[in-house]
PDB file of N, CA and C in Angstrom:
ATOM      1  N   MET A   1     -21.866-197.829  80.613  1.00  0.00           N
ATOM      2  CA  MET A   1     -22.118-196.769  81.545  1.00  0.00           C
ATOM      3  C   MET A   1     -23.603-196.212  81.537  1.00  0.00           C
ATOM      4  N   ARG A   2     -23.929-195.970  80.453  1.00  0.00           N
ATOM      5  CA  ARG A   2     -25.282-195.536  80.037  1.00  0.00           C
ATOM      6  C   ARG A   2     -26.401-196.561  80.535  1.00  0.00           C
ATOM      7  N   ARG A   3     -26.110-197.848  80.165  1.00  0.00           N
ATOM      8  CA  ARG A   3     -27.003-198.865  80.380  1.00  0.00           C
ATOM      9  C   ARG A   3     -27.089-198.993  82.028  1.00  0.00           C
ATOM     10  N   THR A   4     -26.076-198.815  82.659  1.00  0.00           N
ATOM     11  CA  THR A   4     -26.172-198.907  84.111  1.00  0.00           C
ATOM     12  C   THR A   4     -26.937-197.747  84.807  1.00  0.00           C
ATOM     13  N   ILE A   5     -26.708-196.501  84.292  1.00  0.00           N
ATOM     14  CA  ILE A   5     -27.389-195.525  84.935  1.00  0.00           C
ATOM     15  C   ILE A   5     -28.856-195.543  84.484  1.00  0.00           C
ATOM     16  N   ARG A   6     -29.101-195.988  83.247  1.00  0.00           N
ATOM     17  CA  ARG A   6     -30.653-196.364  82.671  1.00  0.00           C
ATOM     18  C   ARG A   6     -30.941-197.391  83.623  1.00  0.00           C
ATOM     19  N   ARG A   7     -30.518-198.505  83.999  1.00  0.00           N
ATOM     20  CA  ARG A   7     -31.165-199.437  84.616  1.00  0.00           C
ATOM     21  C   ARG A   7     -31.325-198.964  86.208  1.00  0.00           C
ATOM     22  N   ASP A   8     -30.359-198.284  86.754  1.00  0.00           N
ATOM     23  CA  ASP A   8     -30.580-197.824  88.063  1.00  0.00           C
ATOM     24  C   ASP A   8     -31.601-196.958  88.264  1.00  0.00           C
ATOM     25  N   LEU A   9     -32.083-195.948  87.295  1.00  0.00           N
ATOM     26  CA  LEU A   9     -32.873-195.237  87.356  1.00  0.00           C
ATOM     27  C   LEU A   9     -34.138-195.825  87.308  1.00  0.00           C
ATOM     28  N   ILE A  10     -34.388-196.895  86.291  1.00  0.00           N
ATOM     29  CA  ILE A  10     -35.566-197.780  86.657  1.00  0.00           C
ATOM     30  C   ILE A  10     -35.843-198.403  87.630  1.00  0.00           C
ATOM     31  N   ARG A  11     -34.930-199.001  88.108  1.00  0.00           N
ATOM     32  CA  ARG A  11     -34.789-199.650  89.386  1.00  0.00           C
ATOM     33  C   ARG A  11     -35.486-198.695  90.594  1.00  0.00           C
ATOM     34  N   SER A  12     -34.788-197.488  90.614  1.00  0.00           N
ATOM     35  CA  SER A  12     -35.333-196.567  91.669  1.00  0.00           C
ATOM     36  C   SER A  12     -36.672-196.060  91.341  1.00  0.00           C
ATOM     37  N   GLY A  13     -37.045-195.898  90.077  1.00  0.00           N
ATOM     38  CA  GLY A  13     -38.455-195.417  89.888  1.00  0.00           C
ATOM     39  C   GLY A  13     -39.410-196.808  90.228  1.00  0.00           C
ATOM     40  N   LEU A  14     -39.044-197.855  90.004  1.00  0.00           N
ATOM     41  CA  LEU A  14     -39.997-199.060  90.170  1.00  0.00           C
ATOM     42  C   LEU A  14     -40.120-199.028  91.900  1.00  0.00           C
ATOM     43  N   HIS A  15     -38.940-198.798  92.581  1.00  0.00           N
ATOM     44  CA  HIS A  15     -38.838-199.006  94.178  1.00  0.00           C
ATOM     45  C   HIS A  15     -39.841-197.861  94.342  1.00  0.00           C
ATOM     46  N   ALA A  16     -39.692-196.660  94.066  1.00  0.00           N
ATOM     47  CA  ALA A  16     -40.550-195.531  94.390  1.00  0.00           C
ATOM     48  C   ALA A  16     -42.021-195.927  94.304  1.00  0.00           C
ATOM     49  N   ALA A  17     -42.360-196.493  93.186  1.00  0.00           N
ATOM     50  CA  ALA A  17     -43.688-196.702  92.608  1.00  0.00           C
ATOM     51  C   ALA A  17     -44.259-197.861  93.529  1.00  0.00           C
ATOM     52  N   GLY A  18     -43.456-198.646  93.946  1.00  0.00           N
ATOM     53  CA  GLY A  18     -43.690-199.664  94.829  1.00  0.00           C
ATOM     54  C   GLY A  18     -44.262-199.270  96.355  1.00  0.00           C
ATOM     55  N   LEU A  19     -43.394-198.458  96.760  1.00  0.00           N
ATOM     56  CA  LEU A  19     -43.543-197.818  97.942  1.00  0.00           C
ATOM     57  C   LEU A  19     -45.015-196.883  98.272  1.00  0.00           C
ATOM     58  N   LEU A  20     -45.233-196.117  96.979  1.00  0.00           N
ATOM     59  CA  LEU A  20     -46.362-195.503  96.667  1.00  0.00           C
ATOM     60  C   LEU A  20     -47.548-196.205  96.951  1.00  0.00           C
ATOM     61  N   PHE A  21     -47.454-197.306  96.238  1.00  0.00           N
ATOM     62  CA  PHE A  21     -48.934-198.129  95.895  1.00  0.00           C
ATOM     63  C   PHE A  21     -48.800-199.110  96.736  1.00  0.00           C
ATOM     64  N   ALA A  22     -47.993-199.308  97.806  1.00  0.00           N
ATOM     65  CA  ALA A  22     -47.958-200.527  98.811  1.00  0.00           C
ATOM     66  C   ALA A  22     -49.341-200.593  99.446  1.00  0.00           C
ATOM     67  N   ALA A  23     -49.676-199.404 100.145  1.00  0.00           N
ATOM     68  CA  ALA A  23     -50.611-199.477 101.003  1.00  0.00           C
ATOM     69  C   ALA A  23     -52.069-199.771 100.264  1.00  0.00           C
ATOM     70  N   PRO A  24     -52.362-199.155  99.112  1.00  0.00           N
ATOM     71  CA  PRO A  24     -53.670-199.373  98.515  1.00  0.00           C
ATOM     72  C   PRO A  24     -53.570-200.989  97.871  1.00  0.00           C
ATOM     73  N   ALA A  25     -52.478-201.394  97.596  1.00  0.00           N
ATOM     74  CA  ALA A  25     -52.426-202.804  96.951  1.00  0.00           C
ATOM     75  C   ALA A  25     -52.120-203.817  98.012  1.00  0.00           C
ATOM     76  N   SER A  26     -52.335-203.380  99.324  1.00  0.00           N
ATOM     77  CA  SER A  26     -52.207-204.568 100.301  1.00  0.00           C
ATOM     78  C   SER A  26     -53.311-205.552 100.444  1.00  0.00           C
ATOM     79  N   ALA A  27     -54.656-205.125  99.901  1.00  0.00           N
ATOM     80  CA  ALA A  27     -55.564-206.007  99.875  1.00  0.00           C
ATOM     81  C   ALA A  27     -55.446-207.214  98.976  1.00  0.00           C
ATOM     82  N   GLU A  28     -54.923-206.487  97.699  1.00  0.00           N
ATOM     83  CA  GLU A  28     -54.652-207.590  96.720  1.00  0.00           C
ATOM     84  C   GLU A  28     -53.448-208.532  97.027  1.00  0.00           C
ATOM     85  N   ARG A  29     -52.414-208.120  97.631  1.00  0.00           N
ATOM     86  CA  ARG A  29     -51.383-208.933  98.229  1.00  0.00           C
ATOM     87  C   ARG A  29     -51.747-209.845  99.009  1.00  0.00           C
ATOM     88  N   GLU A  30     -52.733-209.390  99.859  1.00  0.00           N
ATOM     89  CA  GLU A  30     -53.171-210.423 100.909  1.00  0.00           C
ATOM     90  C   GLU A  30     -53.815-211.461  99.950  1.00  0.00           C
ATOM     91  N   ARG A  31     -54.616-211.231  99.105  1.00  0.00           N
ATOM     92  CA  ARG A  31     -55.297-212.207  98.421  1.00  0.00           C
ATOM     93  C   ARG A  31     -54.240-213.286  97.721  1.00  0.00           C
ATOM     94  N   ASP A  32     -53.355-212.718  96.927  1.00  0.00           N
ATOM     95  CA  ASP A  32     -52.192-213.462  96.397  1.00  0.00           C
ATOM     96  C   ASP A  32     -51.657-214.328  97.517  1.00  0.00           C
ATOM     97  N   HIS A  33     -51.285-213.711  98.734  1.00  0.00           N
ATOM     98  CA  HIS A  33     -50.529-214.480  99.672  1.00  0.00           C
ATOM     99  C   HIS A  33     -51.478-215.708 100.378  1.00  0.00           C
ATOM    100  N   ASP A  34     -52.800-215.360 100.381  1.00  0.00           N
ATOM    101  CA  ASP A  34     -53.654-216.230 100.928  1.00  0.00           C
ATOM    102  C   ASP A  34     -53.977-217.386  99.785  1.00  0.00           C
ATOM    103  N   ARG A  35     -53.889-217.243  98.599  1.00  0.00           N
ATOM    104  CA  ARG A  35     -54.198-217.993  97.531  1.00  0.00           C
ATOM    105  C   ARG A  35     -52.835-218.890  97.287  1.00  0.00           C
ATOM    106  N   ALA A  36     -51.626-218.258  97.451  1.00  0.00           N
ATOM    107  CA  ALA A  36     -50.501-219.007  97.347  1.00  0.00           C
ATOM    108  C   ALA A  36     -50.407-219.960  98.556  1.00  0.00           C
ATOM    109  N   ARG A  37     -50.702-219.372  99.887  1.00  0.00           N
ATOM    110  CA  ARG A  37     -50.386-220.435 101.027  1.00  0.00           C
ATOM    111  C   ARG A  37     -51.226-221.616 100.940  1.00  0.00           C
ATOM    112  N   ARG A  38     -52.659-221.404 100.534  1.00  0.00           N
ATOM    113  CA  ARG A  38     -53.280-222.363 100.335  1.00  0.00           C
ATOM    114  C   ARG A  38     -52.848-223.451  99.289  1.00  0.00           C
ATOM    115  N   ALA A  39     -52.618-222.956  98.237  1.00  0.00           N
ATOM    116  CA  ALA A  39     -52.132-223.806  97.000  1.00  0.00           C
ATOM    117  C   ALA A  39     -50.840-224.504  97.620  1.00  0.00           C
ATOM    118  N   VAL A  40     -50.009-223.898  98.274  1.00  0.00           N
ATOM    119  CA  VAL A  40     -48.743-224.753  98.872  1.00  0.00           C
ATOM    120  C   VAL A  40     -49.279-225.502  99.814  1.00  0.00           C
ATOM    121  N   GLU A  41     -50.220-225.424 100.663  1.00  0.00           N
ATOM    122  CA  GLU A  41     -50.420-226.484 101.744  1.00  0.00           C
ATOM    123  C   GLU A  41     -51.272-227.658 101.106  1.00  0.00           C
ATOM    124  N   GLN A  42     -51.808-227.517 100.028  1.00  0.00           N
ATOM    125  CA  GLN A  42     -52.492-228.323  99.400  1.00  0.00           C
ATOM    126  C   GLN A  42     -51.634-229.262  98.388  1.00  0.00           C
ATOM    127  N   GLY A  43     -50.545-228.911  97.997  1.00  0.00           N
ATOM    128  CA  GLY A  43     -49.555-229.450  97.150  1.00  0.00           C
ATOM    129  C   GLY A  43     -49.675-229.095  95.959  1.00  0.00           C
ATOM    130  N   GLU A  44     -50.307-228.118  95.744  1.00  0.00           N
ATOM    131  CA  GLU A  44     -50.841-227.592  94.031  1.00  0.00           C
ATOM    132  C   GLU A  44     -49.584-226.566  93.561  1.00  0.00           C
ATOM    133  N   ALA A  45     -48.859-226.144  94.685  1.00  0.00           N
ATOM    134  CA  ALA A  45     -47.790-225.120  94.147  1.00  0.00           C
ATOM    135  C   ALA A  45     -46.573-225.399  95.063  1.00  0.00           C
ATOM    136  N   LEU A  46     -45.377-224.977  94.621  1.00  0.00           N
ATOM    137  CA  LEU A  46     -43.963-225.115  95.429  1.00  0.00           C
ATOM    138  C   LEU A  46     -44.270-223.509  96.029  1.00  0.00           C
ATOM    139  N   PRO A  47     -43.435-223.543  97.234  1.00  0.00           N
ATOM    140  CA  PRO A  47     -43.226-222.284  98.056  1.00  0.00           C
ATOM    141  C   PRO A  47     -42.374-221.250  97.017  1.00  0.00           C
ATOM    142  N   LEU A  48     -42.699-219.962  97.088  1.00  0.00           N
ATOM    143  CA  LEU A  48     -41.960-219.027  96.349  1.00  0.00           C
ATOM    144  C   LEU A  48     -40.350-219.050  96.572  1.00  0.00           C
ATOM    145  N   SER A  49     -40.034-219.470  97.845  1.00  0.00           N
ATOM    146  CA  SER A  49     -38.585-219.555  98.047  1.00  0.00           C
ATOM    147  C   SER A  49     -37.973-220.697  97.184  1.00  0.00           C
ATOM    148  N   THR A  50     -38.903-221.867  97.273  1.00  0.00           N
ATOM    149  CA  THR A  50     -38.290-222.992  96.197  1.00  0.00           C
ATOM    150  C   THR A  50     -38.311-222.775  94.793  1.00  0.00           C
ATOM    151  N   ILE A  51     -39.121-221.722  94.524  1.00  0.00           N
ATOM    152  CA  ILE A  51     -39.142-221.385  93.069  1.00  0.00           C
ATOM    153  C   ILE A  51     -37.904-220.708  92.859  1.00  0.00           C
ATOM    154  N   LEU A  52     -37.624-219.655  93.571  1.00  0.00           N
ATOM    155  CA  LEU A  52     -36.536-218.764  93.240  1.00  0.00           C
ATOM    156  C   LEU A  52     -35.313-219.309  93.703  1.00  0.00           C
ATOM    157  N   ALA A  53     -35.145-220.472  94.599  1.00  0.00           N
ATOM    158  CA  ALA A  53     -33.942-221.131  94.753  1.00  0.00           C
ATOM    159  C   ALA A  53     -33.597-221.816  93.225  1.00  0.00           C
ATOM    160  N   HIS A  54     -34.600-222.505  92.837  1.00  0.00           N
ATOM    161  CA  HIS A  54     -34.568-223.259  91.628  1.00  0.00           C
ATOM    162  C   HIS A  54     -34.300-222.559  90.324  1.00  0.00           C
ATOM    163  N   LEU A  55     -34.877-221.316  90.433  1.00  0.00           N
ATOM    164  CA  LEU A  55     -34.561-220.775  88.964  1.00  0.00           C
ATOM    165  C   LEU A  55     -33.512-219.837  88.931  1.00  0.00           C
ATOM    166  N   GLY A  56     -33.406-218.949  89.980  1.00  0.00           N
ATOM    167  CA  GLY A  56     -32.379-218.198  90.033  1.00  0.00           C
ATOM    168  C   GLY A  56     -31.933-217.448  88.882  1.00  0.00           C
ATOM    169  N   PRO A  57     -30.759-217.345  88.402  1.00  0.00           N
ATOM    170  CA  PRO A  57     -30.281-216.360  87.347  1.00  0.00           C
ATOM    171  C   PRO A  57     -31.400-216.884  85.978  1.00  0.00           C
ATOM    172  N   ASP A  58     -31.951-218.098  85.879  1.00  0.00           N
ATOM    173  CA  ASP A  58     -32.774-218.143  84.837  1.00  0.00           C
ATOM    174  C   ASP A  58     -34.020-217.227  84.497  1.00  0.00           C
ATOM    175  N   LEU A  59     -34.261-216.546  85.506  1.00  0.00           N
ATOM    176  CA  LEU A  59     -35.308-215.451  85.331  1.00  0.00           C
ATOM    177  C   LEU A  59     -34.861-214.292  84.679  1.00  0.00           C
ATOM    178  N   GLY A  60     -33.379-214.011  84.471  1.00  0.00           N
ATOM    179  CA  GLY A  60     -33.070-213.116  83.317  1.00  0.00           C
ATOM    180  C   GLY A  60     -32.788-211.720  84.041  1.00  0.00           C
ATOM    181  N   GLY A  61     -32.741-211.542  85.386  1.00  0.00           N
ATOM    182  CA  GLY A  61     -32.417-210.229  85.808  1.00  0.00           C
ATOM    183  C   GLY A  61     -32.876-210.198  87.270  1.00  0.00           C
ATOM    184  N   GLU A  62     -33.205-209.020  87.699  1.00  0.00           N
ATOM    185  CA  GLU A  62     -33.519-208.561  89.179  1.00  0.00           C
ATOM    186  C   GLU A  62     -35.000-208.792  89.187  1.00  0.00           C
ATOM    187  N   VAL A  63     -35.498-209.623  90.020  1.00  0.00           N
ATOM    188  CA  VAL A  63     -37.079-209.576  90.589  1.00  0.00           C
ATOM    189  C   VAL A  63     -37.201-208.482  91.251  1.00  0.00           C
ATOM    190  N   VAL A  64     -38.404-207.565  90.881  1.00  0.00           N
ATOM    191  CA  VAL A  64     -38.783-206.328  91.483  1.00  0.00           C
ATOM    192  C   VAL A  64     -40.344-206.451  91.882  1.00  0.00           C
ATOM    193  N   GLY A  65     -40.953-207.502  91.452  1.00  0.00           N
ATOM    194  CA  GLY A  65     -42.387-207.772  91.800  1.00  0.00           C
ATOM    195  C   GLY A  65     -42.711-209.355  91.613  1.00  0.00           C
ATOM    196  N   VAL A  66     -43.790-209.664  92.191  1.00  0.00           N
ATOM    197  CA  VAL A  66     -44.134-211.054  91.818  1.00  0.00           C
ATOM    198  C   VAL A  66     -45.684-211.205  92.181  1.00  0.00           C
ATOM    199  N   SER A  67     -46.611-211.695  91.459  1.00  0.00           N
ATOM    200  CA  SER A  67     -47.828-212.093  91.674  1.00  0.00           C
ATOM    201  C   SER A  67     -48.091-213.675  91.639  1.00  0.00           C
ATOM    202  N   PHE A  68     -49.391-213.910  92.247  1.00  0.00           N
ATOM    203  CA  PHE A  68     -49.526-215.425  92.109  1.00  0.00           C
ATOM    204  C   PHE A  68     -51.001-215.483  91.561  1.00  0.00           C
ATOM    205  N   GLU A  69     -50.975-216.453  90.511  1.00  0.00           N
ATOM    206  CA  GLU A  69     -52.330-216.244  89.814  1.00  0.00           C
ATOM    207  C   GLU A  69     -52.894-217.565  89.092  1.00  0.00           C
ATOM    208  N   GLU A  70     -53.900-217.839  88.692  1.00  0.00           N
ATOM    209  CA  GLU A  70     -54.503-219.096  88.025  1.00  0.00           C
ATOM    210  C   GLU A  70     -54.133-218.793  86.393  1.00  0.00           C
ATOM    211  N   GLU A  71     -53.634-219.797  85.899  1.00  0.00           N
ATOM    212  CA  GLU A  71     -53.291-219.796  84.523  1.00  0.00           C
ATOM    213  C   GLU A  71     -53.805-221.133  83.942  1.00  0.00           C
ATOM    214  N   ALA A  72     -54.543-220.853  82.951  1.00  0.00           N
ATOM    215  CA  ALA A  72     -55.294-222.282  82.379  1.00  0.00           C
ATOM    216  C   ALA A  72     -55.368-223.438  83.415  1.00  0.00           C
ATOM    217  N   GLY A  73     -56.094-223.223  84.453  1.00  0.00           N
ATOM    218  CA  GLY A  73     -56.409-224.318  85.507  1.00  0.00           C
ATOM    219  C   GLY A  73     -55.062-224.530  86.397  1.00  0.00           C
ATOM    220  N   SER A  74     -54.190-224.050  86.370  1.00  0.00           N
ATOM    221  CA  SER A  74     -53.090-224.282  87.359  1.00  0.00           C
ATOM    222  C   SER A  74     -52.572-222.790  87.816  1.00  0.00           C
ATOM    223  N   TRP A  75     -51.768-222.979  89.006  1.00  0.00           N
ATOM    224  CA  TRP A  75     -51.185-221.903  89.445  1.00  0.00           C
ATOM    225  C   TRP A  75     -49.967-221.510  88.781  1.00  0.00           C
ATOM    226  N   ALA A  76     -49.538-220.270  89.072  1.00  0.00           N
ATOM    227  CA  ALA A  76     -48.455-219.646  88.274  1.00  0.00           C
ATOM    228  C   ALA A  76     -48.113-218.483  88.945  1.00  0.00           C
ATOM    229  N   TYR A  77     -46.694-218.304  89.291  1.00  0.00           N
ATOM    230  CA  TYR A  77     -45.997-217.112  89.667  1.00  0.00           C
ATOM    231  C   TYR A  77     -45.686-216.311  88.466  1.00  0.00           C
ATOM    232  N   GLU A  78     -46.058-214.622  88.598  1.00  0.00           N
ATOM    233  CA  GLU A  78     -45.597-214.056  87.642  1.00  0.00           C
ATOM    234  C   GLU A  78     -44.634-213.093  87.891  1.00  0.00           C
ATOM    235  N   PHE A  79     -43.257-213.180  87.516  1.00  0.00           N
ATOM    236  CA  PHE A  79     -42.393-212.109  88.219  1.00  0.00           C
ATOM    237  C   PHE A  79     -42.219-210.947  87.309  1.00  0.00           C
ATOM    238  N   MET A  80     -41.978-209.719  87.836  1.00  0.00           N
ATOM    239  CA  MET A  80     -41.507-208.756  87.010  1.00  0.00           C
ATOM    240  C   MET A  80     -39.996-208.491  87.443  1.00  0.00           C
ATOM    241  N   VAL A  81     -39.320-208.596  86.169  1.00  0.00           N
ATOM    242  CA  VAL A  81     -37.972-208.699  86.272  1.00  0.00           C
ATOM    243  C   VAL A  81     -37.277-207.463  85.486  1.00  0.00           C
ATOM    244  N   ILE A  82     -36.171-206.971  85.898  1.00  0.00           N
ATOM    245  CA  ILE A  82     -35.503-206.106  85.073  1.00  0.00           C
ATOM    246  C   ILE A  82     -34.429-206.752  84.732  1.00  0.00           C
ATOM    247  N   GLY A  83     -34.241-206.749  83.371  1.00  0.00           N
ATOM    248  CA  GLY A  83     -33.133-207.619  82.687  1.00  0.00           C
ATOM    249  C   GLY A  83     -31.896-206.747  82.682  1.00  0.00           C
ATOM    250  N   PRO A  84     -30.739-207.449  82.191  1.00  0.00           N
ATOM    251  CA  PRO A  84     -29.459-206.784  82.419  1.00  0.00           C
ATOM    252  C   PRO A  84     -29.396-205.314  81.357  1.00  0.00           C
ATOM    253  N   THR A  85     -30.148-205.430  80.326  1.00  0.00           N
ATOM    254  CA  THR A  85     -30.242-204.251  79.485  1.00  0.00           C
ATOM    255  C   THR A  85     -31.247-203.026  80.074  1.00  0.00           C
ATOM    256  N   GLY A  86     -31.633-203.291  81.353  1.00  0.00           N
ATOM    257  CA  GLY A  86     -32.751-202.391  81.790  1.00  0.00           C
ATOM    258  C   GLY A  86     -34.102-202.292  81.425  1.00  0.00           C
ATOM    259  N   HIS A  87     -34.309-203.255  80.656  1.00  0.00           N
ATOM    260  CA  HIS A  87     -35.924-203.530  80.281  1.00  0.00           C
ATOM    261  C   HIS A  87     -36.494-204.407  81.225  1.00  0.00           C
ATOM    262  N   LEU A  88     -37.812-204.116  81.245  1.00  0.00           N
ATOM    263  CA  LEU A  88     -38.759-204.786  82.233  1.00  0.00           C
ATOM    264  C   LEU A  88     -39.322-205.796  81.508  1.00  0.00           C
ATOM    265  N   MET A  89     -39.557-206.994  82.225  1.00  0.00           N
ATOM    266  CA  MET A  89     -40.202-208.215  81.303  1.00  0.00           C
ATOM    267  C   MET A  89     -41.022-208.722  82.552  1.00  0.00           C
ATOM    268  N   ASP A  90     -41.959-209.579  82.138  1.00  0.00           N
ATOM    269  CA  ASP A  90     -42.598-210.373  82.778  1.00  0.00           C
ATOM    270  C   ASP A  90     -42.230-211.782  82.649  1.00  0.00           C
ATOM    271  N   VAL A  91     -42.022-212.731  83.705  1.00  0.00           N
ATOM    272  CA  VAL A  91     -41.881-213.971  83.387  1.00  0.00           C
ATOM    273  C   VAL A  91     -42.571-214.957  84.380  1.00  0.00           C
ATOM    274  N   LEU A  92     -43.400-215.557  83.390  1.00  0.00           N
ATOM    275  CA  LEU A  92     -44.404-216.608  84.067  1.00  0.00           C
ATOM    276  C   LEU A  92     -43.969-218.013  84.188  1.00  0.00           C
ATOM    277  N   VAL A  93     -44.032-218.330  85.455  1.00  0.00           N
ATOM    278  CA  VAL A  93     -43.185-219.772  85.953  1.00  0.00           C
ATOM    279  C   VAL A  93     -44.657-220.486  86.558  1.00  0.00           C
ATOM    280  N   ASP A  94     -44.529-221.770  86.114  1.00  0.00           N
ATOM    281  CA  ASP A  94     -45.450-222.839  86.589  1.00  0.00           C
ATOM    282  C   ASP A  94     -45.251-223.199  87.833  1.00  0.00           C
ATOM    283  N   ALA A  95     -46.310-222.947  88.886  1.00  0.00           N
ATOM    284  CA  ALA A  95     -45.919-222.971  90.427  1.00  0.00           C
ATOM    285  C   ALA A  95     -45.696-224.504  91.119  1.00  0.00           C
ATOM    286  N   ARG A  96     -46.211-225.539  90.166  1.00  0.00           N
ATOM    287  CA  ARG A  96     -45.859-226.708  90.554  1.00  0.00           C
ATOM    288  C   ARG A  96     -44.563-227.451  90.146  1.00  0.00           C
ATOM    289  N   SER A  97     -44.190-226.878  89.267  1.00  0.00           N
ATOM    290  CA  SER A  97     -42.930-227.500  88.468  1.00  0.00           C
ATOM    291  C   SER A  97     -41.969-226.723  88.441  1.00  0.00           C
ATOM    292  N   ALA A  98     -42.012-225.328  88.573  1.00  0.00           N
ATOM    293  CA  ALA A  98     -41.094-224.300  88.765  1.00  0.00           C
ATOM    294  C   ALA A  98     -40.262-224.171  87.299  1.00  0.00           C
ATOM    295  N   ARG A  99     -41.350-224.440  86.074  1.00  0.00           N
ATOM    296  CA  ARG A  99     -40.544-224.383  84.724  1.00  0.00           C
ATOM    297  C   ARG A  99     -41.378-222.925  84.218  1.00  0.00           C
ATOM    298  N   VAL A 100     -40.220-222.238  83.592  1.00  0.00           N
ATOM    299  CA  VAL A 100     -40.667-220.888  82.908  1.00  0.00           C
ATOM    300  C   VAL A 100     -41.596-221.242  81.797  1.00  0.00           C
ATOM    301  N   ILE A 101     -42.810-220.707  81.725  1.00  0.00           N
ATOM    302  CA  ILE A 101     -43.572-220.957  80.658  1.00  0.00           C
ATOM    303  C   ILE A 101     -44.291-219.673  79.777  1.00  0.00           C
ATOM    304  N   GLY A 102     -43.453-218.670  80.158  1.00  0.00           N
ATOM    305  CA  GLY A 102     -43.557-217.592  79.207  1.00  0.00           C
ATOM    306  C   GLY A 102     -42.882-216.325  79.646  1.00  0.00           C
ATOM    307  N   ARG A 103     -42.378-215.701  78.471  1.00  0.00           N
ATOM    308  CA  ARG A 103     -41.813-214.101  78.959  1.00  0.00           C
ATOM    309  C   ARG A 103     -42.392-213.311  78.064  1.00  0.00           C
ATOM    310  N   GLU A 104     -42.661-212.015  78.482  1.00  0.00           N
ATOM    311  CA  GLU A 104     -43.124-210.856  77.914  1.00  0.00           C
ATOM    312  C   GLU A 104     -41.994-209.451  78.191  1.00  0.00           C
ATOM    313  N   GLU A 105     -41.587-209.137  77.045  1.00  0.00           N
ATOM    314  CA  GLU A 105     -40.769-207.847  77.407  1.00  0.00           C
ATOM    315  C   GLU A 105     -41.678-206.629  77.258  1.00  0.00           C
ATOM    316  N   HIS A 106     -41.366-205.708  77.949  1.00  0.00           N
ATOM    317  CA  HIS A 106     -42.112-204.451  77.902  1.00  0.00           C
ATOM    318  C   HIS A 106     -41.270-203.369  77.270  1.00  0.00           C
TER     319      HIS A 106
END
């Protein structure tokens, strides 16, 4: 029960933080969105919806954020995920193959 309460508190805090920073971060999100759209149109990346449908539970928890970035010359989605124990982790996924290429727990 303590884990559930802790996870709910973390989730609520992250949601509130996301609302607070949504406006200032909108320019960065637009850049991520534009880069992702161009990469998908050019066949360099799969759409986010395809990645999520393919990976599903393999991400290891609830997705609370995502960014699109270049990693070692190719595109990657970086997911912020709250795991079942309430820990926050980053999961890096190759945008072309939908393979998990890295995990980092915070």
